C-alpha atoms as a PDB file:
ATOM      1  CA  MET A   1      10.141   3.412  -9.183  1.00  0.00           C
ATOM      2  CA  ILE A   2       8.199   0.665  -9.822  1.00  0.00           C
ATOM      3  CA  GLN A   3       8.722  -2.010 -13.447  1.00  0.00           C
ATOM      4  CA  ILE A   4       6.751  -5.098 -13.526  1.00  0.00           C
ATOM      5  CA  GLU A   5       7.103  -7.145 -16.821  1.00  0.00           C
ATOM      6  CA  GLN A   6       5.627 -10.471 -17.566  1.00  0.00           C
ATOM      7  CA  LEU A   7       4.801 -11.063 -13.992  1.00  0.00           C
ATOM      8  CA  LYS A   8       3.124 -14.609 -13.563  1.00  0.00           C
ATOM      9  CA  LYS A   9       2.173 -15.868 -10.676  1.00  0.00           C
ATOM     10  CA  SER A  10       0.507 -19.801 -10.602  1.00  0.00           C
ATOM     11  CA  TYR A  11      -1.136 -21.753  -7.358  1.00  0.00           C
ATOM     12  CA  GLN A  12      -1.325 -25.614  -7.418  1.00  0.00           C
ATOM     13  CA  ALA A  13      -5.034 -26.483  -6.136  1.00  0.00           C
ATOM     14  CA  GLY A  14      -5.118 -29.985  -6.185  1.00  0.00           C
ATOM     15  CA  SER A  15      -4.419 -31.453  -9.867  1.00  0.00           C
ATOM     16  CA  VAL A  16      -4.983 -27.821 -11.032  1.00  0.00           C
ATOM     17  CA  GLU A  17      -2.739 -25.208 -11.639  1.00  0.00           C
ATOM     18  CA  VAL A  18      -4.507 -22.201 -10.758  1.00  0.00           C
ATOM     19  CA  LYS A  19      -3.076 -18.655 -12.570  1.00  0.00           C
ATOM     20  CA  ALA A  20      -3.305 -15.704 -10.052  1.00  0.00           C
ATOM     21  CA  LEU A  21      -1.484 -13.707 -12.202  1.00  0.00           C
ATOM     22  CA  ASP A  22      -1.211 -13.995 -16.272  1.00  0.00           C
ATOM     23  CA  ASP A  23       1.488 -11.920 -17.974  1.00  0.00           C
ATOM     24  CA  VAL A  24       0.970  -8.370 -16.270  1.00  0.00           C
ATOM     25  CA  SER A  25       3.318  -6.044 -17.281  1.00  0.00           C
ATOM     26  CA  PHE A  26       2.897  -2.493 -16.033  1.00  0.00           C
ATOM     27  CA  GLU A  27       5.230   1.058 -14.272  1.00  0.00           C
ATOM     28  CA  ILE A  28       4.497   2.884 -11.622  1.00  0.00           C
ATOM     29  CA  GLN A  29       6.551   6.121 -11.968  1.00  0.00           C
ATOM     30  CA  ASN A  30       7.275   8.399  -8.479  1.00  0.00           C
ATOM     31  CA  ASN A  31       4.139  10.307  -7.044  1.00  0.00           C
ATOM     32  CA  GLU A  32       1.922   8.362  -9.190  1.00  0.00           C
ATOM     33  CA  PHE A  33      -1.682   7.676  -6.895  1.00  0.00           C
ATOM     34  CA  ILE A  34      -2.848   4.184  -8.688  1.00  0.00           C
ATOM     35  CA  ALA A  35      -5.863   1.789  -7.782  1.00  0.00           C
ATOM     36  CA  ILE A  36      -5.714  -1.622  -8.630  1.00  0.00           C
ATOM     37  CA  MET A  37      -9.566  -2.649  -8.800  1.00  0.00           C
ATOM     38  CA  GLY A  38     -11.358  -6.031  -9.215  1.00  0.00           C
ATOM     39  CA  PRO A  39     -13.648  -8.650  -8.523  1.00  0.00           C
ATOM     40  CA  SER A  40     -13.091 -11.476  -5.533  1.00  0.00           C
ATOM     41  CA  GLY A  41      -9.759 -13.578  -7.653  1.00  0.00           C
ATOM     42  CA  SER A  42      -9.019 -11.198 -10.190  1.00  0.00           C
ATOM     43  CA  GLY A  43      -5.467 -11.062  -8.853  1.00  0.00           C
ATOM     44  CA  LYS A  44      -5.175  -7.820  -7.567  1.00  0.00           C
ATOM     45  CA  SER A  45      -4.237  -9.361  -3.707  1.00  0.00           C
ATOM     46  CA  THR A  46      -1.896 -11.247  -5.010  1.00  0.00           C
ATOM     47  CA  LEU A  47      -0.312  -8.638  -7.016  1.00  0.00           C
ATOM     48  CA  MET A  48      -0.453  -6.202  -4.153  1.00  0.00           C
ATOM     49  CA  ASN A  49       1.357  -9.553  -2.093  1.00  0.00           C
ATOM     50  CA  ILE A  50       4.450  -9.486  -4.413  1.00  0.00           C
ATOM     51  CA  LEU A  51       4.188  -5.388  -5.101  1.00  0.00           C
ATOM     52  CA  GLY A  52       4.902  -5.145  -1.329  1.00  0.00           C
ATOM     53  CA  CYS A  53       7.715  -8.116  -1.087  1.00  0.00           C
ATOM     54  CA  LEU A  54       5.587 -10.261   0.721  1.00  0.00           C
ATOM     55  CA  ASP A  55       5.461 -12.894  -1.835  1.00  0.00           C
ATOM     56  CA  GLN A  56       7.401 -14.078  -5.144  1.00  0.00           C
ATOM     57  CA  PRO A  57       6.087 -14.312  -8.478  1.00  0.00           C
ATOM     58  CA  SER A  58       6.427 -17.979 -10.295  1.00  0.00           C
ATOM     59  CA  SER A  59       8.277 -15.857 -12.724  1.00  0.00           C
ATOM     60  CA  GLY A  60       8.255 -12.272 -14.510  1.00  0.00           C
ATOM     61  CA  SER A  61      10.535  -9.237 -13.114  1.00  0.00           C
ATOM     62  CA  TYR A  62       9.684  -7.388 -10.786  1.00  0.00           C
ATOM     63  CA  ARG A  63      12.186  -3.880 -10.299  1.00  0.00           C
ATOM     64  CA  LEU A  64      11.809  -1.646  -6.979  1.00  0.00           C
ATOM     65  CA  ASN A  65      13.837   1.326  -7.229  1.00  0.00           C
ATOM     66  CA  GLY A  66      15.837  -0.262  -9.525  1.00  0.00           C
ATOM     67  CA  ASN A  67      16.784  -3.100  -7.903  1.00  0.00           C
ATOM     68  CA  GLU A  68      15.583  -6.558  -8.982  1.00  0.00           C
ATOM     69  CA  VAL A  69      13.400  -7.701  -5.839  1.00  0.00           C
ATOM     70  CA  ALA A  70      13.740 -11.764  -7.159  1.00  0.00           C
ATOM     71  CA  GLN A  71      17.698 -11.500  -6.401  1.00  0.00           C
ATOM     72  CA  MET A  72      17.130 -10.224  -3.073  1.00  0.00           C
ATOM     73  CA  GLN A  73      18.126 -12.025   0.233  1.00  0.00           C
ATOM     74  CA  ASP A  74      15.774 -12.502   3.011  1.00  0.00           C
ATOM     75  CA  ASP A  75      17.047  -9.934   5.445  1.00  0.00           C
ATOM     76  CA  GLU A  76      17.762  -7.103   2.034  1.00  0.00           C
ATOM     77  CA  LEU A  77      13.593  -7.968   1.750  1.00  0.00           C
ATOM     78  CA  ALA A  78      12.811  -7.327   5.360  1.00  0.00           C
ATOM     79  CA  LYS A  79      14.506  -4.413   5.025  1.00  0.00           C
ATOM     80  CA  ILE A  80      13.010  -3.015   2.323  1.00  0.00           C
ATOM     81  CA  ARG A  81       9.805  -3.706   3.672  1.00  0.00           C
ATOM     82  CA  ASN A  82      10.736  -1.971   6.857  1.00  0.00           C
ATOM     83  CA  ARG A  83      12.904   1.146   5.390  1.00  0.00           C
ATOM     84  CA  ASP A  84      10.959   2.015   1.923  1.00  0.00           C
ATOM     85  CA  ILE A  85       7.266   0.400   2.275  1.00  0.00           C
ATOM     86  CA  GLY A  86       4.426   1.718   4.184  1.00  0.00           C
ATOM     87  CA  PHE A  87       1.903  -0.802   4.731  1.00  0.00           C
ATOM     88  CA  VAL A  88      -2.078   0.467   5.519  1.00  0.00           C
ATOM     89  CA  PHE A  89      -4.475  -2.686   5.330  1.00  0.00           C
ATOM     90  CA  GLN A  90      -8.054  -3.085   6.038  1.00  0.00           C
ATOM     91  CA  THR A  91      -8.111  -4.217   9.612  1.00  0.00           C
ATOM     92  CA  PHE A  92      -5.384  -1.675  10.772  1.00  0.00           C
ATOM     93  CA  HIS A  93      -3.274  -3.993  12.379  1.00  0.00           C
ATOM     94  CA  LEU A  94      -2.634  -2.079  15.196  1.00  0.00           C
ATOM     95  CA  GLN A  95      -1.536  -3.297  18.514  1.00  0.00           C
ATOM     96  CA  PRO A  96      -4.360  -3.657  20.987  1.00  0.00           C
ATOM     97  CA  ARG A  97      -1.708  -2.449  24.482  1.00  0.00           C
ATOM     98  CA  LEU A  98      -0.432   0.059  22.440  1.00  0.00           C
ATOM     99  CA  ASN A  99      -1.160   3.463  22.434  1.00  0.00           C
ATOM    100  CA  ALA A 100      -1.649   5.502  19.379  1.00  0.00           C
ATOM    101  CA  MET A 101       2.020   6.928  19.561  1.00  0.00           C
ATOM    102  CA  LYS A 102       3.784   3.825  20.562  1.00  0.00           C
ATOM    103  CA  ASN A 103       1.567   2.341  17.252  1.00  0.00           C
ATOM    104  CA  VAL A 104       3.202   4.344  15.020  1.00  0.00           C
ATOM    105  CA  MET A 105       6.707   3.791  16.831  1.00  0.00           C
ATOM    106  CA  LEU A 106       6.664   0.049  15.850  1.00  0.00           C
ATOM    107  CA  PRO A 107       8.587   0.179  12.798  1.00  0.00           C
ATOM    108  CA  LEU A 108      11.501   2.858  14.224  1.00  0.00           C
ATOM    109  CA  ARG A 109      11.931  -0.392  16.596  1.00  0.00           C
ATOM    110  CA  TYR A 110      14.137  -2.006  13.664  1.00  0.00           C
ATOM    111  CA  SER A 111      15.872   1.183  12.690  1.00  0.00           C
ATOM    112  CA  GLU A 112      18.982   3.152  13.956  1.00  0.00           C
ATOM    113  CA  VAL A 113      16.968   5.889  15.673  1.00  0.00           C
ATOM    114  CA  ASP A 114      16.997   7.044  19.369  1.00  0.00           C
ATOM    115  CA  LYS A 115      13.423   6.411  21.124  1.00  0.00           C
ATOM    116  CA  ALA A 116      13.799  10.280  21.898  1.00  0.00           C
ATOM    117  CA  THR A 117      13.728  10.899  17.791  1.00  0.00           C
ATOM    118  CA  ALA A 118      11.445   7.886  17.643  1.00  0.00           C
ATOM    119  CA  GLU A 119       8.771   9.271  19.685  1.00  0.00           C
ATOM    120  CA  GLN A 120       9.141  12.870  17.905  1.00  0.00           C
ATOM    121  CA  MET A 121       8.713  11.669  14.711  1.00  0.00           C
ATOM    122  CA  ALA A 122       6.051   9.484  15.601  1.00  0.00           C
ATOM    123  CA  GLU A 123       4.422  12.593  16.938  1.00  0.00           C
ATOM    124  CA  GLU A 124       4.826  14.382  13.999  1.00  0.00           C
ATOM    125  CA  MET A 125       3.284  11.790  11.860  1.00  0.00           C
ATOM    126  CA  LEU A 126       0.393  11.819  14.356  1.00  0.00           C
ATOM    127  CA  ALA A 127      -0.085  15.661  13.807  1.00  0.00           C
ATOM    128  CA  ARG A 128      -0.120  14.841  10.037  1.00  0.00           C
ATOM    129  CA  VAL A 129      -3.055  13.208  10.137  1.00  0.00           C
ATOM    130  CA  GLY A 130      -4.903  15.081  12.732  1.00  0.00           C
ATOM    131  CA  LEU A 131      -4.631  12.773  15.872  1.00  0.00           C
ATOM    132  CA  SER A 132      -2.296  14.598  18.045  1.00  0.00           C
ATOM    133  CA  GLN A 133      -4.915  15.040  20.892  1.00  0.00           C
ATOM    134  CA  ARG A 134      -4.993  11.306  20.621  1.00  0.00           C
ATOM    135  CA  LYS A 135      -2.029   9.834  20.873  1.00  0.00           C
ATOM    136  CA  LEU A 136      -2.208   8.397  24.246  1.00  0.00           C
ATOM    137  CA  HIS A 137      -5.259   6.669  23.918  1.00  0.00           C
ATOM    138  CA  ARG A 138      -5.692   2.851  22.767  1.00  0.00           C
ATOM    139  CA  PRO A 139      -6.850   1.543  19.429  1.00  0.00           C
ATOM    140  CA  SER A 140     -10.622   0.275  21.905  1.00  0.00           C
ATOM    141  CA  GLU A 141     -10.811   3.943  22.403  1.00  0.00           C
ATOM    142  CA  LEU A 142     -10.378   5.617  19.185  1.00  0.00           C
ATOM    143  CA  SER A 143     -12.940   4.829  16.003  1.00  0.00           C
ATOM    144  CA  GLY A 144     -12.822   2.948  13.189  1.00  0.00           C
ATOM    145  CA  GLY A 145     -11.599   5.912  11.296  1.00  0.00           C
ATOM    146  CA  GLN A 146      -8.992   7.474  13.995  1.00  0.00           C
ATOM    147  CA  ARG A 147      -7.808   3.789  13.905  1.00  0.00           C
ATOM    148  CA  GLN A 148      -7.364   3.794  10.051  1.00  0.00           C
ATOM    149  CA  ARG A 149      -5.321   7.280  11.213  1.00  0.00           C
ATOM    150  CA  VAL A 150      -2.779   5.651  13.303  1.00  0.00           C
ATOM    151  CA  ALA A 151      -2.480   2.728  10.878  1.00  0.00           C
ATOM    152  CA  ILE A 152      -1.362   5.338   8.441  1.00  0.00           C
ATOM    153  CA  ALA A 153       0.539   7.648  10.364  1.00  0.00           C
ATOM    154  CA  ARG A 154       2.779   4.134  10.853  1.00  0.00           C
ATOM    155  CA  ALA A 155       3.463   3.685   7.479  1.00  0.00           C
ATOM    156  CA  LEU A 156       4.367   6.820   6.850  1.00  0.00           C
ATOM    157  CA  VAL A 157       6.617   7.110  10.125  1.00  0.00           C
ATOM    158  CA  ASN A 158       9.649   5.836   8.014  1.00  0.00           C
ATOM    159  CA  LYS A 159       9.296   7.995   4.924  1.00  0.00           C
ATOM    160  CA  PRO A 160       8.836   5.180   2.529  1.00  0.00           C
ATOM    161  CA  SER A 161       9.192   5.856  -0.620  1.00  0.00           C
ATOM    162  CA  ILE A 162       5.709   4.212  -1.541  1.00  0.00           C
ATOM    163  CA  ILE A 163       2.909   3.290   0.328  1.00  0.00           C
ATOM    164  CA  PHE A 164       0.112   0.312  -0.125  1.00  0.00           C
ATOM    165  CA  ALA A 165      -3.044   0.435   0.829  1.00  0.00           C
ATOM    166  CA  ASP A 166      -5.153  -3.017   0.876  1.00  0.00           C
ATOM    167  CA  GLU A 167      -8.673  -1.912   0.967  1.00  0.00           C
ATOM    168  CA  PRO A 168      -8.166   1.015   3.765  1.00  0.00           C
ATOM    169  CA  THR A 169     -11.805   1.692   3.756  1.00  0.00           C
ATOM    170  CA  GLY A 170     -13.175  -1.462   3.942  1.00  0.00           C
ATOM    171  CA  ASN A 171     -13.955  -1.223   7.401  1.00  0.00           C
ATOM    172  CA  LEU A 172     -15.476   2.386   7.081  1.00  0.00           C
ATOM    173  CA  ASP A 173     -18.743   3.718   6.840  1.00  0.00           C
ATOM    174  CA  SER A 174     -19.176   5.962   3.792  1.00  0.00           C
ATOM    175  CA  LYS A 175     -18.328   9.751   5.523  1.00  0.00           C
ATOM    176  CA  THR A 176     -15.549   8.411   7.314  1.00  0.00           C
ATOM    177  CA  SER A 177     -14.306   6.461   3.993  1.00  0.00           C
ATOM    178  CA  VAL A 178     -14.493   9.826   2.413  1.00  0.00           C
ATOM    179  CA  GLU A 179     -12.243  11.489   5.218  1.00  0.00           C
ATOM    180  CA  ILE A 180      -9.211   8.433   4.530  1.00  0.00           C
ATOM    181  CA  MET A 181      -9.303   9.226   0.767  1.00  0.00           C
ATOM    182  CA  GLU A 182      -9.286  12.749   1.143  1.00  0.00           C
ATOM    183  CA  LEU A 183      -6.309  12.296   3.683  1.00  0.00           C
ATOM    184  CA  PHE A 184      -5.037   9.873   0.839  1.00  0.00           C
ATOM    185  CA  THR A 185      -5.392  12.703  -1.667  1.00  0.00           C
ATOM    186  CA  ALA A 186      -3.549  15.433   0.609  1.00  0.00           C
ATOM    187  CA  LEU A 187      -0.264  12.679   0.709  1.00  0.00           C
ATOM    188  CA  HIS A 188       0.085  12.272  -2.673  1.00  0.00           C
ATOM    189  CA  GLU A 189      -0.489  16.019  -3.170  1.00  0.00           C
ATOM    190  CA  ALA A 190       2.703  16.423  -0.746  1.00  0.00           C
ATOM    191  CA  GLY A 191       4.881  13.781  -3.158  1.00  0.00           C
ATOM    192  CA  GLN A 192       3.986  10.267  -1.514  1.00  0.00           C
ATOM    193  CA  THR A 193       3.845   7.673  -3.811  1.00  0.00           C
ATOM    194  CA  ILE A 194       0.642   5.264  -3.509  1.00  0.00           C
ATOM    195  CA  VAL A 195      -1.000   2.032  -4.758  1.00  0.00           C
ATOM    196  CA  LEU A 196      -4.176   1.116  -3.343  1.00  0.00           C
ATOM    197  CA  VAL A 197      -6.492  -1.753  -4.104  1.00  0.00           C
ATOM    198  CA  THR A 198     -10.299  -1.798  -4.122  1.00  0.00           C
ATOM    199  CA  HIS A 199     -13.557  -3.064  -5.326  1.00  0.00           C
ATOM    200  CA  GLU A 200     -15.001   0.111  -4.877  1.00  0.00           C
ATOM    201  CA  ALA A 201     -15.299   2.391  -7.724  1.00  0.00           C
ATOM    202  CA  ASP A 202     -15.941   5.330  -6.195  1.00  0.00           C
ATOM    203  CA  ILE A 203     -12.874   4.673  -4.001  1.00  0.00           C
ATOM    204  CA  ALA A 204     -11.148   4.267  -6.916  1.00  0.00           C
ATOM    205  CA  GLN A 205     -11.852   7.466  -8.427  1.00  0.00           C
ATOM    206  CA  TYR A 206      -9.778   9.195  -5.881  1.00  0.00           C
ATOM    207  CA  ALA A 207      -6.871   7.449  -7.819  1.00  0.00           C
ATOM    208  CA  GLN A 208      -4.714   9.168 -11.203  1.00  0.00           C
ATOM    209  CA  LYS A 209      -5.269   6.032 -12.776  1.00  0.00           C
ATOM    210  CA  VAL A 210      -7.351   2.821 -11.907  1.00  0.00           C
ATOM    211  CA  ILE A 211      -5.824  -0.500 -13.358  1.00  0.00           C
ATOM    212  CA  HIS A 212      -8.427  -3.099 -13.797  1.00  0.00           C
ATOM    213  CA  MET A 213      -8.234  -6.710 -13.304  1.00  0.00           C
ATOM    214  CA  LYS A 214      -9.889  -9.713 -14.125  1.00  0.00           C
ATOM    215  CA  ASP A 215      -9.067 -13.393 -14.459  1.00  0.00           C
ATOM    216  CA  GLY A 216      -5.665 -12.854 -13.070  1.00  0.00           C
ATOM    217  CA  LYS A 217      -4.910 -10.177 -16.072  1.00  0.00           C
ATOM    218  CA  ILE A 218      -5.047  -6.388 -17.174  1.00  0.00           C
ATOM    219  CA  GLU A 219      -8.437  -5.914 -18.295  1.00  0.00           C
ATOM    220  CA  ARG A 220      -8.124  -1.435 -19.476  1.00  0.00           C
ATOM    221  CA  VAL A 221      -6.676   1.396 -17.319  1.00  0.00           C
ATOM    222  CA  GLU A 222      -8.304   4.189 -16.490  1.00  0.00           C
ATOM    223  CA  TYR A 223      -6.986   7.685 -16.527  1.00  0.00           C
ATOM    224  CA  VAL A 224      -9.047   9.479 -13.950  1.00  0.00           C
ATOM    225  CA  LYS A 225      -6.496  12.955 -13.177  1.00  0.00           C
ATOM    226  CA  ASP A 226      -4.131  13.979 -15.809  1.00  0.00           C
ATOM    227  CA  ASN A 227      -0.697  13.658 -14.960  1.00  0.00           C
ATOM    228  CA  GLY A 228       1.170  14.619 -17.905  1.00  0.00           C
ATOM    229  CA  ASP A 229       3.273  11.365 -19.749  1.00  0.00           C
ATOM    230  CA  MET A 230       1.572   8.502 -17.714  1.00  0.00           C
ATOM    231  CA  PRO A 231       3.640   5.189 -18.177  1.00  0.00           C
ATOM    232  CA  ALA A 232       1.771   2.590 -20.717  1.00  0.00           C
ATOM    233  CA  VAL A 233       0.435  -0.464 -18.786  1.00  0.00           C
ATOM    234  CA  SER A 234      -0.077  -3.443 -20.771  1.00  0.00           C
ATOM    235  CA  ASN A 235      -0.690  -7.344 -20.349  1.00  0.00           C
ATOM    236  CA  GLY A 236       2.286  -7.666 -21.393  1.00  0.00           C
END
């Protein structure tokens, strides 16, 4: 599903070149649950942005579902972000004036799905995350955990091939964090591929495999749960 080879990303900070990613290589197979972990400045957020087609590497190869991302035009990348990728963020990114169902329907505005079908799909996703009874509530009327469930339902509504979750429990208390991670686990067990960025070790342990990053490199790989023949991960 994802093939990264010798990925590099550099920024210019005045006269100093900062290497956010330094020769990173790995693969993610269909239906894997991967956590990317590391301290601030380790490169994990930069890597997530590249994987989510929100940024481009300075060099190296990124293939998503067999397609070289660097060769895609802006309109192609926009379609991939809407069709193949679901995003879940720490701060939820919900529209405050829209109720839960309309928030979940947002990604479908750019598809060919008619309104009635979009409403049905949104209701199905809200039911999947246990929020059918709150579909007409606005974000201000929901708890933090419920808002994140709405965000997860929105990420799922287009049936993406992969979900990227960037610190999805960062704004939640411990109990709610466990509930959200149990939801991610259930989604994975149902066949969803998930890539999670976190700095919390207990959250990373929900994944099958943890990629530990430091100074833009993969420091080590921890296999948490058995997944048969997992692909090798290296620094290139």
